[in-house]
Amino acid sequence: MCSPRTCGPKIKARFLGESVTAQFARFVFVGGVSNILYASLFLGLAALGSFTANVIGIAASTVLANELHRRHTFHAAERVGWFQTQWEAGGLALVGLALGTAALAAVHILFPGASSLVQIVAVVAVSGVIGALRFLALRGWVFYTRAV
């Protein structure tokens, strides 16, 4: 049995480590934070229309997520600059934008008059699948640690 005093530092060290598991845990955490920003913007901008709110929400949450991944998920702030991160990781996010928008259109076609909550669930579900693929691409390409 471990106490908070003995387990706490071990858990923190594992979470902050460079293993795939630690990076994925941080990636999921950042994804949750960026999805909260997305949902807040989507709901706050719903009066502009769901497609406009979707695009603005995805753009803002993607910029935030890219920067948090650069600094915290992959500890790449010293290796990869802000612009390169936004350009490369943002390009990957365009696929998510296209698929999220397609999911939103499908909800509108299949469930006319669906609530904002149903629309958010559809977009976030698609984002989850794209997110797993994005993790692999970010880890293996954008923030890849090259041997010196």
Protein backbone atom coordinates (compact mmCIF):
# COMPACT_ATOMS: atom_id res chain seq x y z
CA MET A 1 0.00 0.00 0.00
CA CYS A 2 1.30 3.45 -0.72
CA SER A 3 0.49 6.72 0.96
CA PRO A 4 -0.12 10.05 -0.77
CA ARG A 5 3.36 11.10 0.31
CA THR A 6 5.05 8.12 -1.36
CA CYS A 7 2.71 7.66 -4.33
CA GLY A 8 2.31 11.33 -5.23
CA PRO A 9 5.89 11.89 -6.43
CA LYS A 10 5.87 8.60 -8.34
CA ILE A 11 2.64 9.46 -10.14
CA LYS A 12 3.90 12.97 -10.90
CA ALA A 13 7.19 11.62 -12.28
CA ARG A 14 5.35 9.16 -14.51
CA PHE A 15 2.91 11.83 -15.75
CA LEU A 16 5.76 14.24 -16.55
CA GLY A 17 7.98 11.57 -18.15
CA GLU A 18 8.74 11.03 -21.81
CA SER A 19 7.14 7.60 -22.24
CA VAL A 20 4.40 7.15 -24.82
CA THR A 21 1.94 6.55 -21.98
CA ALA A 22 2.88 9.80 -20.22
CA GLN A 23 2.72 11.78 -23.46
CA PHE A 24 -0.65 10.25 -24.32
CA ALA A 25 -2.03 11.05 -20.85
CA ARG A 26 -0.94 14.69 -21.28
CA PHE A 27 -2.33 14.69 -24.84
CA VAL A 28 -5.74 13.54 -23.57
CA PHE A 29 -5.66 16.14 -20.77
CA VAL A 30 -4.88 18.92 -23.27
CA GLY A 31 -7.64 17.58 -25.53
CA GLY A 32 -10.10 17.85 -22.67
CA VAL A 33 -9.06 21.43 -21.95
CA SER A 34 -9.32 22.41 -25.61
CA ASN A 35 -12.72 20.71 -25.93
CA ILE A 36 -13.99 22.77 -22.99
CA LEU A 37 -12.83 25.91 -24.82
CA TYR A 38 -14.46 24.63 -28.03
CA ALA A 39 -17.80 23.89 -26.32
CA SER A 40 -17.78 27.27 -24.55
CA LEU A 41 -17.16 29.13 -27.79
CA PHE A 42 -19.69 27.00 -29.68
CA LEU A 43 -22.40 27.76 -27.14
CA GLY A 44 -21.40 31.41 -26.80
CA LEU A 45 -21.38 31.96 -30.56
CA ALA A 46 -24.40 29.77 -31.44
CA ALA A 47 -26.37 32.89 -32.38
CA LEU A 48 -24.01 33.31 -35.35
CA GLY A 49 -25.03 29.86 -36.61
CA SER A 50 -23.67 26.44 -35.75
CA PHE A 51 -21.24 26.26 -38.68
CA THR A 52 -19.69 29.64 -37.83
CA ALA A 53 -19.52 28.74 -34.14
CA ASN A 54 -17.93 25.40 -35.09
CA VAL A 55 -15.19 26.95 -37.24
CA ILE A 56 -14.32 29.61 -34.64
CA GLY A 57 -14.39 27.06 -31.82
CA ILE A 58 -12.16 24.63 -33.66
CA ALA A 59 -9.70 27.35 -34.73
CA ALA A 60 -9.30 28.78 -31.22
CA SER A 61 -9.15 25.42 -29.46
CA THR A 62 -6.63 24.12 -32.01
CA VAL A 63 -4.24 27.04 -31.51
CA LEU A 64 -4.44 26.52 -27.74
CA ALA A 65 -3.99 22.74 -28.02
CA ASN A 66 -1.02 23.06 -30.40
CA GLU A 67 0.79 25.36 -27.99
CA LEU A 68 0.03 23.21 -24.95
CA HIS A 69 1.24 20.13 -26.85
CA ARG A 70 4.44 21.93 -27.83
CA ARG A 71 5.19 23.06 -24.28
CA HIS A 72 3.74 20.31 -22.10
CA THR A 73 2.71 17.16 -23.96
CA PHE A 74 5.91 16.71 -25.95
CA HIS A 75 8.24 19.11 -24.08
CA ALA A 76 9.28 20.54 -27.45
CA ALA A 77 9.39 24.29 -26.74
CA GLU A 78 13.19 24.31 -27.15
CA ARG A 79 13.11 22.25 -30.38
CA VAL A 80 10.06 23.53 -32.25
CA GLY A 81 8.97 27.14 -32.60
CA TRP A 82 5.46 28.53 -32.19
CA PHE A 83 4.95 29.24 -35.91
CA GLN A 84 6.21 25.83 -37.03
CA THR A 85 3.90 24.21 -34.49
CA GLN A 86 0.86 26.14 -35.66
CA TRP A 87 1.69 25.54 -39.32
CA GLU A 88 2.34 21.79 -39.12
CA ALA A 89 -0.03 20.80 -36.31
CA GLY A 90 -2.62 23.26 -37.63
CA GLY A 91 -2.44 21.59 -41.02
CA LEU A 92 -3.23 18.28 -39.37
CA ALA A 93 -6.13 19.94 -37.59
CA LEU A 94 -7.68 20.93 -40.93
CA VAL A 95 -8.59 17.28 -41.40
CA GLY A 96 -10.34 17.41 -38.03
CA LEU A 97 -12.11 20.60 -39.06
CA ALA A 98 -13.35 19.00 -42.28
CA LEU A 99 -14.53 15.83 -40.56
CA GLY A 100 -16.05 17.74 -37.63
CA THR A 101 -17.93 19.97 -40.03
CA ALA A 102 -19.09 16.91 -41.99
CA ALA A 103 -20.32 15.34 -38.73
CA LEU A 104 -22.19 18.55 -37.92
CA ALA A 105 -23.77 18.55 -41.38
CA ALA A 106 -24.77 14.91 -40.90
CA VAL A 107 -26.45 15.78 -37.60
CA HIS A 108 -28.37 18.59 -39.32
CA ILE A 109 -29.49 16.23 -42.10
CA LEU A 110 -30.28 13.19 -39.95
CA PHE A 111 -31.66 15.04 -36.91
CA PRO A 112 -33.12 18.39 -37.99
CA GLY A 113 -33.51 20.73 -35.03
CA ALA A 114 -30.99 18.81 -32.90
CA SER A 115 -29.95 20.60 -29.73
CA SER A 116 -26.56 22.24 -29.34
CA LEU A 117 -25.61 19.42 -26.95
CA VAL A 118 -26.25 16.77 -29.63
CA GLN A 119 -24.20 18.81 -32.12
CA ILE A 120 -21.32 19.14 -29.64
CA VAL A 121 -21.37 15.40 -28.88
CA ALA A 122 -21.16 14.57 -32.60
CA VAL A 123 -18.23 16.90 -33.21
CA VAL A 124 -16.38 15.82 -30.05
CA ALA A 125 -16.85 12.12 -30.95
CA VAL A 126 -15.30 12.67 -34.37
CA SER A 127 -12.58 14.75 -32.73
CA GLY A 128 -11.75 11.84 -30.42
CA VAL A 129 -11.04 9.50 -33.32
CA ILE A 130 -9.10 12.16 -35.19
CA GLY A 131 -7.29 12.98 -31.95
CA ALA A 132 -5.83 9.50 -31.62
CA LEU A 133 -4.52 9.68 -35.18
CA ARG A 134 -3.28 13.22 -34.54
CA PHE A 135 -1.33 12.06 -31.47
CA LEU A 136 0.59 9.60 -33.61
CA ALA A 137 1.30 12.24 -36.26
CA LEU A 138 2.39 14.88 -33.73
CA ARG A 139 4.62 12.43 -31.87
CA GLY A 140 6.13 10.92 -35.01
CA TRP A 141 6.47 14.03 -37.16
CA VAL A 142 5.85 17.50 -35.69
CA PHE A 143 7.47 16.97 -32.28
CA TYR A 144 9.70 14.03 -33.12
CA THR A 145 12.83 13.96 -30.98
CA ARG A 146 15.73 13.50 -33.36
CA ALA A 147 18.79 11.70 -32.06
CA VAL A 148 21.81 13.96 -31.89
